């Protein structure tokens, strides 16, 4: 009898978790209102340039690290 209640409890908890996940996914896929989508369309070109600017920042950081490592190696 105890095993049956344990399994029933697990099924109830699983159902609650699945319901919660379903509600969260619905909130993530909710369409934007038209006013917000018009503003999002205006910022779309800036979002496309974002990966390139991040790439340039990372490359600059790598260059600085490489030059610092090279200068440290020559000092020794």
PDB file of N, CA and C in Angstrom:
ATOM      1  N   UNK A   1       0.824  -1.186   0.000  1.00  0.00           N
ATOM      2  CA  UNK A   1       0.000   0.000   0.000  1.00  0.00           C
ATOM      3  C   UNK A   1       0.873   1.257   0.000  1.00  0.00           C
ATOM      4  N   UNK A   2       1.977   1.182   0.751  1.00  0.00           N
ATOM      5  CA  UNK A   2       2.874   2.322   0.818  1.00  0.00           C
ATOM      6  C   UNK A   2       3.492   2.595  -0.553  1.00  0.00           C
ATOM      7  N   UNK A   3       3.825   1.552  -1.289  1.00  0.00           N
ATOM      8  CA  UNK A   3       4.419   1.712  -2.616  1.00  0.00           C
ATOM      9  C   UNK A   3       3.418   2.358  -3.579  1.00  0.00           C
ATOM     10  N   UNK A   4       2.153   1.960  -3.464  1.00  0.00           N
ATOM     11  CA  UNK A   4       1.132   2.545  -4.332  1.00  0.00           C
ATOM     12  C   UNK A   4       0.991   4.043  -4.066  1.00  0.00           C
ATOM     13  N   UNK A   5       1.016   4.453  -2.803  1.00  0.00           N
ATOM     14  CA  UNK A   5       0.917   5.874  -2.465  1.00  0.00           C
ATOM     15  C   UNK A   5       2.167   6.626  -2.931  1.00  0.00           C
ATOM     16  N   UNK A   6       3.318   5.982  -2.837  1.00  0.00           N
ATOM     17  CA  UNK A   6       4.548   6.622  -3.295  1.00  0.00           C
ATOM     18  C   UNK A   6       4.504   6.875  -4.798  1.00  0.00           C
ATOM     19  N   UNK A   7       4.073   5.876  -5.544  1.00  0.00           N
ATOM     20  CA  UNK A   7       3.977   6.034  -6.998  1.00  0.00           C
ATOM     21  C   UNK A   7       2.924   7.077  -7.349  1.00  0.00           C
ATOM     22  N   UNK A   8       1.809   7.070  -6.656  1.00  0.00           N
ATOM     23  CA  UNK A   8       0.759   8.060  -6.891  1.00  0.00           C
ATOM     24  C   UNK A   8       1.280   9.468  -6.589  1.00  0.00           C
ATOM     25  N   UNK A   9       2.032   9.609  -5.529  1.00  0.00           N
ATOM     26  CA  UNK A   9       2.623  10.907  -5.187  1.00  0.00           C
ATOM     27  C   UNK A   9       3.585  11.388  -6.253  1.00  0.00           C
ATOM     28  N   UNK A  10       4.410  10.474  -6.763  1.00  0.00           N
ATOM     29  CA  UNK A  10       5.344  10.831  -7.835  1.00  0.00           C
ATOM     30  C   UNK A  10       4.609  11.248  -9.096  1.00  0.00           C
ATOM     31  N   UNK A  11       3.534  10.569  -9.420  1.00  0.00           N
ATOM     32  CA  UNK A  11       2.750  10.923 -10.606  1.00  0.00           C
ATOM     33  C   UNK A  11       2.124  12.303 -10.436  1.00  0.00           C
ATOM     34  N   UNK A  12       1.641  12.601  -9.245  1.00  0.00           N
ATOM     35  CA  UNK A  12       1.042  13.917  -8.987  1.00  0.00           C
ATOM     36  C   UNK A  12       2.101  15.013  -9.099  1.00  0.00           C
ATOM     37  N   UNK A  13       3.267  14.785  -8.524  1.00  0.00           N
ATOM     38  CA  UNK A  13       4.353  15.771  -8.611  1.00  0.00           C
ATOM     39  C   UNK A  13       4.776  15.959 -10.064  1.00  0.00           C
ATOM     40  N   UNK A  14       4.876  14.882 -10.812  1.00  0.00           N
ATOM     41  CA  UNK A  14       5.240  14.973 -12.222  1.00  0.00           C
ATOM     42  C   UNK A  14       4.204  15.780 -12.999  1.00  0.00           C
ATOM     43  N   UNK A  15       2.927  15.569 -12.709  1.00  0.00           N
ATOM     44  CA  UNK A  15       1.870  16.318 -13.384  1.00  0.00           C
ATOM     45  C   UNK A  15       1.972  17.804 -13.059  1.00  0.00           C
ATOM     46  N   UNK A  16       2.280  18.146 -11.814  1.00  0.00           N
ATOM     47  CA  UNK A  16       2.423  19.553 -11.431  1.00  0.00           C
ATOM     48  C   UNK A  16       3.609  20.183 -12.149  1.00  0.00           C
ATOM     49  N   UNK A  17       4.724  19.473 -12.212  1.00  0.00           N
ATOM     50  CA  UNK A  17       5.913  19.990 -12.891  1.00  0.00           C
ATOM     51  C   UNK A  17       5.640  20.177 -14.380  1.00  0.00           C
ATOM     52  N   UNK A  18       4.978  19.222 -14.999  1.00  0.00           N
ATOM     53  CA  UNK A  18       4.667  19.335 -16.433  1.00  0.00           C
ATOM     54  C   UNK A  18       3.728  20.515 -16.691  1.00  0.00           C
ATOM     55  N   UNK A  19       2.750  20.717 -15.831  1.00  0.00           N
ATOM     56  CA  UNK A  19       1.836  21.845 -15.978  1.00  0.00           C
ATOM     57  C   UNK A  19       2.597  23.163 -15.858  1.00  0.00           C
ATOM     58  N   UNK A  20       3.491  23.240 -14.896  1.00  0.00           N
ATOM     59  CA  UNK A  20       4.285  24.449 -14.709  1.00  0.00           C
ATOM     60  C   UNK A  20       5.171  24.719 -15.922  1.00  0.00           C
ATOM     61  N   UNK A  21       5.798  23.683 -16.464  1.00  0.00           N
ATOM     62  CA  UNK A  21       6.635  23.841 -17.649  1.00  0.00           C
ATOM     63  C   UNK A  21       5.811  24.310 -18.842  1.00  0.00           C
ATOM     64  N   UNK A  22       4.614  23.784 -18.976  1.00  0.00           N
ATOM     65  CA  UNK A  22       3.742  24.178 -20.079  1.00  0.00           C
ATOM     66  C   UNK A  22       3.387  25.656 -19.978  1.00  0.00           C
ATOM     67  N   UNK A  23       3.093  26.125 -18.770  1.00  0.00           N
ATOM     68  CA  UNK A  23       2.759  27.532 -18.575  1.00  0.00           C
ATOM     69  C   UNK A  23       3.955  28.431 -18.870  1.00  0.00           C
ATOM     70  N   UNK A  24       5.148  28.004 -18.490  1.00  0.00           N
ATOM     71  CA  UNK A  24       6.339  28.809 -18.737  1.00  0.00           C
ATOM     72  C   UNK A  24       6.664  28.880 -20.213  1.00  0.00           C
ATOM     73  N   UNK A  25       6.496  27.780 -20.940  1.00  0.00           N
ATOM     74  CA  UNK A  25       6.771  27.816 -22.375  1.00  0.00           C
ATOM     75  C   UNK A  25       5.744  28.663 -23.107  1.00  0.00           C
ATOM     76  N   UNK A  26       4.526  28.677 -22.637  1.00  0.00           N
ATOM     77  CA  UNK A  26       3.524  29.543 -23.253  1.00  0.00           C
ATOM     78  C   UNK A  26       3.902  31.008 -23.079  1.00  0.00           C
ATOM     79  N   UNK A  27       4.426  31.355 -21.921  1.00  0.00           N
ATOM     80  CA  UNK A  27       4.797  32.746 -21.687  1.00  0.00           C
ATOM     81  C   UNK A  27       6.016  33.144 -22.517  1.00  0.00           C
ATOM     82  N   UNK A  28       6.874  32.203 -22.838  1.00  0.00           N
ATOM     83  CA  UNK A  28       8.040  32.517 -23.655  1.00  0.00           C
ATOM     84  C   UNK A  28       7.683  32.707 -25.122  1.00  0.00           C
ATOM     85  N   UNK A  29       6.704  31.987 -25.608  1.00  0.00           N
ATOM     86  CA  UNK A  29       6.358  32.045 -27.022  1.00  0.00           C
ATOM     87  C   UNK A  29       5.213  33.001 -27.309  1.00  0.00           C
ATOM     88  N   UNK A  30       4.821  33.804 -26.340  1.00  0.00           N
ATOM     89  CA  UNK A  30       3.733  34.756 -26.531  1.00  0.00           C
ATOM     90  C   UNK A  30       4.160  35.791 -27.574  1.00  0.00           C
ATOM     91  N   UNK A  31       3.339  36.078 -28.585  1.00  0.00           N
ATOM     92  CA  UNK A  31       3.721  37.048 -29.613  1.00  0.00           C
ATOM     93  C   UNK A  31       3.793  38.464 -29.040  1.00  0.00           C
ATOM     94  N   UNK A  32       4.667  39.261 -29.628  1.00  0.00           N
ATOM     95  CA  UNK A  32       4.822  40.634 -29.191  1.00  0.00           C
ATOM     96  C   UNK A  32       3.648  41.480 -29.650  1.00  0.00           C
ATOM     97  N   UNK A  33       3.266  42.472 -28.893  1.00  0.00           N
ATOM     98  CA  UNK A  33       2.260  43.416 -29.381  1.00  0.00           C
ATOM     99  C   UNK A  33       2.822  44.187 -30.578  1.00  0.00           C
ATOM    100  N   UNK A  34       1.952  44.743 -31.390  1.00  0.00           N
ATOM    101  CA  UNK A  34       2.404  45.393 -32.616  1.00  0.00           C
ATOM    102  C   UNK A  34       3.302  46.585 -32.338  1.00  0.00           C
ATOM    103  N   UNK A  35       3.050  47.337 -31.291  1.00  0.00           N
ATOM    104  CA  UNK A  35       3.894  48.489 -30.973  1.00  0.00           C
ATOM    105  C   UNK A  35       5.308  48.027 -30.604  1.00  0.00           C
ATOM    106  N   UNK A  36       5.403  46.968 -29.848  1.00  0.00           N
ATOM    107  CA  UNK A  36       6.722  46.467 -29.450  1.00  0.00           C
ATOM    108  C   UNK A  36       7.449  45.848 -30.627  1.00  0.00           C
ATOM    109  N   UNK A  37       6.715  45.218 -31.539  1.00  0.00           N
ATOM    110  CA  UNK A  37       7.378  44.622 -32.695  1.00  0.00           C
ATOM    111  C   UNK A  37       7.893  45.694 -33.640  1.00  0.00           C
ATOM    112  N   UNK A  38       7.228  46.851 -33.716  1.00  0.00           N
ATOM    113  CA  UNK A  38       7.727  47.942 -34.544  1.00  0.00           C
ATOM    114  C   UNK A  38       9.027  48.483 -33.977  1.00  0.00           C
ATOM    115  N   UNK A  39       9.117  48.578 -32.656  1.00  0.00           N
ATOM    116  CA  UNK A  39      10.352  49.025 -32.033  1.00  0.00           C
ATOM    117  C   UNK A  39      11.438  47.978 -32.179  1.00  0.00           C
ATOM    118  N   UNK A  40      11.077  46.724 -32.110  1.00  0.00           N
ATOM    119  CA  UNK A  40      12.061  45.649 -32.262  1.00  0.00           C
ATOM    120  C   UNK A  40      12.612  45.640 -33.678  1.00  0.00           C
ATOM    121  N   UNK A  41      11.794  45.966 -34.659  1.00  0.00           N
ATOM    122  CA  UNK A  41      12.259  46.028 -36.037  1.00  0.00           C
ATOM    123  C   UNK A  41      13.252  47.146 -36.237  1.00  0.00           C
ATOM    124  N   UNK A  42      13.121  48.238 -35.492  1.00  0.00           N
ATOM    125  CA  UNK A  42      14.057  49.351 -35.613  1.00  0.00           C
ATOM    126  C   UNK A  42      15.420  48.987 -35.041  1.00  0.00           C
ATOM    127  N   UNK A  43      15.467  48.132 -34.029  1.00  0.00           N
ATOM    128  CA  UNK A  43      16.744  47.773 -33.426  1.00  0.00           C
ATOM    129  C   UNK A  43      17.353  46.521 -34.041  1.00  0.00           C
ATOM    130  N   UNK A  44      16.723  45.965 -35.044  1.00  0.00           N
ATOM    131  CA  UNK A  44      17.237  44.742 -35.658  1.00  0.00           C
ATOM    132  C   UNK A  44      18.594  44.932 -36.327  1.00  0.00           C
ATOM    133  N   UNK A  45      18.858  46.024 -37.063  1.00  0.00           N
ATOM    134  CA  UNK A  45      20.195  46.175 -37.655  1.00  0.00           C
ATOM    135  C   UNK A  45      21.294  46.258 -36.603  1.00  0.00           C
ATOM    136  N   UNK A  46      21.019  46.893 -35.480  1.00  0.00           N
ATOM    137  CA  UNK A  46      22.022  46.966 -34.415  1.00  0.00           C
ATOM    138  C   UNK A  46      22.286  45.581 -33.839  1.00  0.00           C
ATOM    139  N   UNK A  47      21.252  44.751 -33.762  1.00  0.00           N
ATOM    140  CA  UNK A  47      21.432  43.398 -33.239  1.00  0.00           C
ATOM    141  C   UNK A  47      22.249  42.549 -34.193  1.00  0.00           C
ATOM    142  N   UNK A  48      22.155  42.809 -35.484  1.00  0.00           N
ATOM    143  CA  UNK A  48      22.949  42.036 -36.450  1.00  0.00           C
ATOM    144  C   UNK A  48      24.422  42.382 -36.341  1.00  0.00           C
ATOM    145  N   UNK A  49      24.734  43.608 -36.015  1.00  0.00           N
ATOM    146  CA  UNK A  49      26.125  44.027 -35.887  1.00  0.00           C
ATOM    147  C   UNK A  49      26.735  43.615 -34.557  1.00  0.00           C
ATOM    148  N   UNK A  50      25.925  43.204 -33.640  1.00  0.00           N
ATOM    149  CA  UNK A  50      26.410  42.834 -32.318  1.00  0.00           C
ATOM    150  C   UNK A  50      27.431  41.705 -32.362  1.00  0.00           C
ATOM    151  N   UNK A  51      27.202  40.600 -33.064  1.00  0.00           N
ATOM    152  CA  UNK A  51      28.218  39.546 -33.066  1.00  0.00           C
ATOM    153  C   UNK A  51      29.553  40.013 -33.638  1.00  0.00           C
ATOM    154  N   UNK A  52      29.513  40.891 -34.643  1.00  0.00           N
ATOM    155  CA  UNK A  52      30.757  41.373 -35.221  1.00  0.00           C
ATOM    156  C   UNK A  52      31.512  42.246 -34.222  1.00  0.00           C
ATOM    157  N   UNK A  53      30.800  43.092 -33.492  1.00  0.00           N
ATOM    158  CA  UNK A  53      31.467  43.939 -32.504  1.00  0.00           C
ATOM    159  C   UNK A  53      32.022  43.101 -31.357  1.00  0.00           C
ATOM    160  N   UNK A  54      31.301  42.074 -30.960  1.00  0.00           N
ATOM    161  CA  UNK A  54      31.801  41.180 -29.918  1.00  0.00           C
ATOM    162  C   UNK A  54      33.042  40.448 -30.409  1.00  0.00           C
ATOM    163  N   UNK A  55      33.016  40.032 -31.668  1.00  0.00           N
ATOM    164  CA  UNK A  55      34.183  39.350 -32.238  1.00  0.00           C
ATOM    165  C   UNK A  55      35.392  40.281 -32.234  1.00  0.00           C
ATOM    166  N   UNK A  56      35.174  41.537 -32.564  1.00  0.00           N
ATOM    167  CA  UNK A  56      36.279  42.489 -32.582  1.00  0.00           C
ATOM    168  C   UNK A  56      36.823  42.724 -31.164  1.00  0.00           C
ATOM    169  N   UNK A  57      35.943  42.784 -30.168  1.00  0.00           N
ATOM    170  CA  UNK A  57      36.389  42.965 -28.788  1.00  0.00           C
ATOM    171  C   UNK A  57      37.188  41.768 -28.305  1.00  0.00           C
ATOM    172  N   UNK A  58      36.733  40.578 -28.644  1.00  0.00           N
ATOM    173  CA  UNK A  58      37.443  39.362 -28.242  1.00  0.00           C
ATOM    174  C   UNK A  58      38.798  39.304 -28.928  1.00  0.00           C
ATOM    175  N   UNK A  59      38.836  39.660 -30.203  1.00  0.00           N
ATOM    176  CA  UNK A  59      40.103  39.637 -30.929  1.00  0.00           C
ATOM    177  C   UNK A  59      41.079  40.642 -30.322  1.00  0.00           C
ATOM    178  N   UNK A  60      40.591  41.814 -29.958  1.00  0.00           N
ATOM    179  CA  UNK A  60      41.445  42.812 -29.315  1.00  0.00           C
ATOM    180  C   UNK A  60      41.982  42.317 -27.990  1.00  0.00           C
ATOM    181  N   UNK A  61      41.137  41.670 -27.216  1.00  0.00           N
ATOM    182  CA  UNK A  61      41.579  41.125 -25.933  1.00  0.00           C
ATOM    183  C   UNK A  61      42.623  40.034 -26.134  1.00  0.00           C
ATOM    184  N   UNK A  62      42.427  39.195 -27.133  1.00  0.00           N
ATOM    185  CA  UNK A  62      43.406  38.144 -27.423  1.00  0.00           C
ATOM    186  C   UNK A  62      44.734  38.736 -27.873  1.00  0.00           C
ATOM    187  N   UNK A  63      44.687  39.784 -28.681  1.00  0.00           N
ATOM    188  CA  UNK A  63      45.916  40.436 -29.126  1.00  0.00           C
ATOM    189  C   UNK A  63      46.670  41.042 -27.957  1.00  0.00           C
ATOM    190  N   UNK A  64      45.942  41.695 -27.040  1.00  0.00           N
ATOM    191  CA  UNK A  64      46.579  42.275 -25.868  1.00  0.00           C
ATOM    192  C   UNK A  64      47.207  41.195 -24.995  1.00  0.00           C
ATOM    193  N   UNK A  65      46.505  40.094 -24.807  1.00  0.00           N
ATOM    194  CA  UNK A  65      47.037  39.004 -23.995  1.00  0.00           C
ATOM    195  C   UNK A  65      48.271  38.396 -24.638  1.00  0.00           C
ATOM    196  N   UNK A  66      48.247  38.252 -25.964  1.00  0.00           N
ATOM    197  CA  UNK A  66      49.394  37.678 -26.666  1.00  0.00           C
ATOM    198  C   UNK A  66      50.600  38.600 -26.572  1.00  0.00           C
ATOM    199  N   UNK A  67      50.378  39.909 -26.715  1.00  0.00           N
ATOM    200  CA  UNK A  67      51.508  40.831 -26.616  1.00  0.00           C
ATOM    201  C   UNK A  67      52.047  40.880 -25.184  1.00  0.00           C
ATOM    202  N   UNK A  68      51.169  40.790 -24.186  1.00  0.00           N
ATOM    203  CA  UNK A  68      51.637  40.773 -22.797  1.00  0.00           C
ATOM    204  C   UNK A  68      52.425  39.499 -22.525  1.00  0.00           C
ATOM    205  N   UNK A  69      51.985  38.386 -23.051  1.00  0.00           N
ATOM    206  CA  UNK A  69      52.704  37.126 -22.856  1.00  0.00           C
ATOM    207  C   UNK A  69      54.052  37.165 -23.566  1.00  0.00           C
ATOM    208  N   UNK A  70      54.081  37.763 -24.746  1.00  0.00           N
ATOM    209  CA  UNK A  70      55.349  37.855 -25.485  1.00  0.00           C
ATOM    210  C   UNK A  70      56.339  38.756 -24.768  1.00  0.00           C
ATOM    211  N   UNK A  71      55.852  39.852 -24.229  1.00  0.00           N
ATOM    212  CA  UNK A  71      56.774  40.766 -23.514  1.00  0.00           C
ATOM    213  C   UNK A  71      57.256  40.122 -22.206  1.00  0.00           C
ATOM    214  N   UNK A  72      56.388  39.356 -21.559  1.00  0.00           N
ATOM    215  CA  UNK A  72      56.798  38.674 -20.331  1.00  0.00           C
ATOM    216  C   UNK A  72      57.818  37.587 -20.635  1.00  0.00           C
ATOM    217  N   UNK A  73      57.669  36.934 -21.775  1.00  0.00           N
ATOM    218  CA  UNK A  73      58.615  35.869 -22.139  1.00  0.00           C
ATOM    219  C   UNK A  73      59.969  36.443 -22.504  1.00  0.00           C
ATOM    220  N   UNK A  74      59.999  37.618 -23.125  1.00  0.00           N
ATOM    221  CA  UNK A  74      61.287  38.221 -23.514  1.00  0.00           C
ATOM    222  C   UNK A  74      62.014  38.817 -22.317  1.00  0.00           C
ATOM    223  N   UNK A  75      61.275  39.228 -21.266  1.00  0.00           N
ATOM    224  CA  UNK A  75      61.895  39.769 -20.069  1.00  0.00           C
ATOM    225  C   UNK A  75      62.617  38.714 -19.255  1.00  0.00           C
ATOM    226  N   UNK A  76      62.200  37.489 -19.359  1.00  0.00           N
ATOM    227  CA  UNK A  76      62.813  36.414 -18.575  1.00  0.00           C
ATOM    228  C   UNK A  76      64.046  35.992 -19.252  1.00  0.00           C
TER     229      UNK A  76
END
